[in-house]
Amino acid sequence: MRQKKLRNEKSPDELASSFVFPVKLSEKQKKEAALQLAMARGKRRAAATDKDKLISGLLSLRFQLEDYINGNTFNPDLSFGYFLGEYVGLLEKKRKVFAEEISIDETLLSQLINLKRDPPDYVTVRLELHSNRAIPADYWYRLVEKKKEHFIKTDKSIRKKEKQFVQHKLNVHI
């Protein structure tokens, strides 16, 4: 019924310019279309400059990071160290060179990437500045906080340990 109404209200040219109608392709046509698309993507990638590739990679990393920190689930694989390692890899620099660029010791960088240490606040700010604000400091910080939040919510041993320090608890249930 809706299609009849549209046909009555719009000319065929208007319909064609405002809608994409599904097309049935044979298997051979699907393979040919996929091949043409792959070739076009390949040409586009080959024509991309190093700067274009870096921008694309930075945006991709930023969006991945945003999706994760704004989501409700915790994934231990998507840690500060993981994203920092991805960032350094994206730059195609040796860790030593990158550590020098943000004025930290290479050992600290290694500890951060390998999850041996949480980052000091100044590192998150330096990462923001290094990326020319493409990845804000608060994104890096929120990665660490997401890990801490998960720990606080799920670690039962901390409650047992800290219970001895609470002398009186409220006698209310909310």
Protein backbone atom coordinates (compact mmCIF):
# COMPACT_ATOMS: atom_id res chain seq x y z
CA MET A 1 0.00 0.00 0.00
CA ARG A 2 2.79 2.38 0.85
CA GLN A 3 4.51 1.72 -2.48
CA LYS A 4 1.32 2.61 -4.41
CA LYS A 5 1.06 5.86 -2.47
CA LEU A 6 4.68 6.71 -3.24
CA ARG A 7 4.21 5.93 -6.94
CA ASN A 8 1.20 8.23 -7.04
CA GLU A 9 3.03 11.05 -5.22
CA LYS A 10 6.43 10.87 -6.92
CA SER A 11 7.68 10.50 -10.45
CA PRO A 12 9.85 7.48 -11.37
CA ASP A 13 12.91 9.74 -11.46
CA GLU A 14 12.18 11.05 -7.96
CA LEU A 15 11.71 7.51 -6.66
CA ALA A 16 14.93 6.36 -8.23
CA SER A 17 16.92 9.23 -6.76
CA SER A 18 15.49 8.86 -3.26
CA PHE A 19 15.48 5.07 -2.85
CA VAL A 20 17.73 2.14 -3.51
CA PHE A 21 15.71 -0.80 -4.70
CA PRO A 22 17.03 -4.27 -3.92
CA VAL A 23 18.58 -6.07 -6.83
CA LYS A 24 18.91 -9.82 -7.14
CA LEU A 25 22.33 -10.84 -8.37
CA SER A 26 23.44 -14.22 -9.55
CA GLU A 27 26.40 -15.85 -7.80
CA LYS A 28 28.61 -14.92 -10.75
CA GLN A 29 27.47 -11.28 -10.56
CA LYS A 30 28.05 -11.23 -6.77
CA LYS A 31 31.61 -12.49 -7.23
CA GLU A 32 32.26 -9.93 -9.96
CA ALA A 33 30.86 -7.11 -7.80
CA ALA A 34 32.98 -8.23 -4.84
CA LEU A 35 36.07 -8.33 -7.05
CA GLN A 36 35.37 -4.84 -8.41
CA LEU A 37 34.87 -3.51 -4.88
CA ALA A 38 38.10 -5.13 -3.69
CA MET A 39 39.99 -3.63 -6.61
CA ALA A 40 38.54 -0.17 -5.94
CA ARG A 41 39.48 -0.43 -2.26
CA GLY A 42 42.96 -1.58 -3.20
CA LYS A 43 43.44 1.40 -5.50
CA ARG A 44 42.19 3.74 -2.79
CA ARG A 45 44.56 2.22 -0.21
CA ALA A 46 47.49 2.42 -2.61
CA ALA A 47 46.76 6.09 -3.28
CA ALA A 48 46.54 6.93 0.44
CA THR A 49 49.46 8.87 1.84
CA ASP A 50 51.19 7.91 5.08
CA LYS A 51 49.40 10.83 6.72
CA ASP A 52 46.02 9.55 5.47
CA LYS A 53 46.79 6.10 6.85
CA LEU A 54 47.81 7.55 10.21
CA ILE A 55 44.66 9.66 10.45
CA SER A 56 42.52 6.67 9.54
CA GLY A 57 44.27 4.50 12.11
CA LEU A 58 43.97 7.15 14.82
CA LEU A 59 40.26 7.59 14.18
CA SER A 60 39.72 3.85 14.22
CA LEU A 61 41.60 3.52 17.51
CA ARG A 62 39.71 6.45 19.02
CA PHE A 63 36.33 5.00 18.03
CA GLN A 64 37.26 1.58 19.44
CA LEU A 65 38.36 3.23 22.66
CA GLU A 66 35.19 5.36 22.85
CA ASP A 67 32.94 2.37 22.26
CA TYR A 68 34.67 0.41 24.97
CA ILE A 69 34.82 3.09 27.68
CA ASN A 70 31.21 4.12 27.02
CA GLY A 71 29.99 0.53 27.09
CA ASN A 72 28.76 -1.34 30.14
CA THR A 73 30.92 -4.41 29.88
CA PHE A 74 34.45 -4.96 31.14
CA ASN A 75 36.92 -6.81 28.93
CA PRO A 76 40.34 -7.42 30.49
CA ASP A 77 41.85 -7.70 27.01
CA LEU A 78 40.92 -4.08 26.24
CA SER A 79 43.18 -2.51 28.81
CA PHE A 80 45.19 0.68 28.96
CA GLY A 81 48.21 -1.38 27.95
CA TYR A 82 46.42 -2.85 24.95
CA PHE A 83 45.35 0.53 23.59
CA LEU A 84 48.74 2.09 24.32
CA GLY A 85 50.44 -0.76 22.46
CA GLU A 86 48.06 -0.26 19.54
CA TYR A 87 48.80 3.46 19.54
CA VAL A 88 52.56 2.93 19.50
CA GLY A 89 52.18 0.27 16.78
CA LEU A 90 50.07 2.62 14.71
CA LEU A 91 52.87 5.17 14.79
CA GLU A 92 55.29 2.53 13.49
CA LYS A 93 57.93 3.66 15.94
CA LYS A 94 60.18 1.74 18.22
CA ARG A 95 59.16 1.91 21.85
CA LYS A 96 62.40 3.63 22.77
CA VAL A 97 61.77 6.45 20.27
CA PHE A 98 58.16 6.86 21.39
CA ALA A 99 59.17 6.91 25.08
CA GLU A 100 61.65 9.69 24.28
CA GLU A 101 58.95 11.65 22.44
CA ILE A 102 56.73 11.74 25.53
CA SER A 103 59.71 12.06 27.91
CA ILE A 104 59.27 8.86 29.88
CA ASP A 105 61.65 6.01 30.51
CA GLU A 106 61.40 3.10 28.09
CA THR A 107 61.03 0.81 31.12
CA LEU A 108 57.92 2.70 32.25
CA LEU A 109 56.45 2.45 28.75
CA SER A 110 57.06 -1.29 28.77
CA GLN A 111 55.46 -1.64 32.22
CA LEU A 112 52.39 0.28 31.05
CA ILE A 113 51.96 -1.77 27.88
CA ASN A 114 52.51 -5.06 29.74
CA LEU A 115 50.09 -4.13 32.55
CA LYS A 116 52.74 -4.16 35.25
CA ARG A 117 51.82 -0.65 36.34
CA ASP A 118 48.96 1.82 36.10
CA PRO A 119 49.82 5.08 34.35
CA PRO A 120 50.54 8.25 36.27
CA ASP A 121 48.18 11.09 35.35
CA TYR A 122 50.92 12.97 33.51
CA VAL A 123 51.26 10.09 31.04
CA THR A 124 47.60 10.36 30.02
CA VAL A 125 48.05 14.08 29.41
CA ARG A 126 51.23 13.52 27.40
CA LEU A 127 49.44 10.92 25.28
CA GLU A 128 46.70 13.45 24.53
CA LEU A 129 49.26 16.08 23.57
CA HIS A 130 51.27 13.59 21.51
CA SER A 131 48.18 12.60 19.52
CA ASN A 132 47.39 16.29 18.97
CA ARG A 133 44.22 15.75 21.01
CA ALA A 134 42.98 12.96 18.72
CA ILE A 135 42.73 10.77 21.82
CA PRO A 136 41.87 12.87 24.89
CA ALA A 137 43.57 12.31 28.24
CA ASP A 138 40.27 11.47 29.90
CA TYR A 139 39.81 8.52 27.50
CA TRP A 140 43.13 7.06 28.66
CA TYR A 141 42.20 7.78 32.27
CA ARG A 142 38.76 6.20 31.91
CA LEU A 143 40.38 2.97 30.71
CA VAL A 144 42.20 2.72 34.04
CA GLU A 145 39.05 3.65 35.95
CA LYS A 146 37.02 1.02 34.11
CA LYS A 147 39.46 -1.62 35.33
CA LYS A 148 39.31 -0.29 38.91
CA GLU A 149 35.52 -0.15 38.81
CA HIS A 150 35.36 -3.78 37.73
CA PHE A 151 37.76 -4.76 40.51
CA ILE A 152 35.72 -2.93 43.16
CA LYS A 153 32.46 -4.50 41.95
CA THR A 154 33.71 -8.08 41.66
CA ASP A 155 36.53 -8.67 44.16
CA LYS A 156 35.02 -10.37 47.20
CA SER A 157 38.33 -10.68 49.04
CA ILE A 158 38.62 -6.91 49.48
CA ARG A 159 35.30 -6.87 51.33
CA LYS A 160 36.42 -9.65 53.66
CA LYS A 161 39.70 -7.86 54.31
CA GLU A 162 38.11 -4.44 54.91
CA LYS A 163 35.21 -5.68 57.02
CA GLN A 164 37.42 -5.70 60.14
CA PHE A 165 37.81 -1.91 59.88
CA VAL A 166 34.08 -1.16 59.98
CA GLN A 167 32.81 -0.91 63.56
CA HIS A 168 29.21 -0.03 62.98
CA LYS A 169 27.12 -0.39 59.88
CA LEU A 170 23.76 1.20 59.23
CA ASN A 171 20.73 -0.83 60.11
CA VAL A 172 18.80 0.08 56.97
CA HIS A 173 18.19 -1.64 53.65
CA ILE A 174 17.78 0.38 50.51
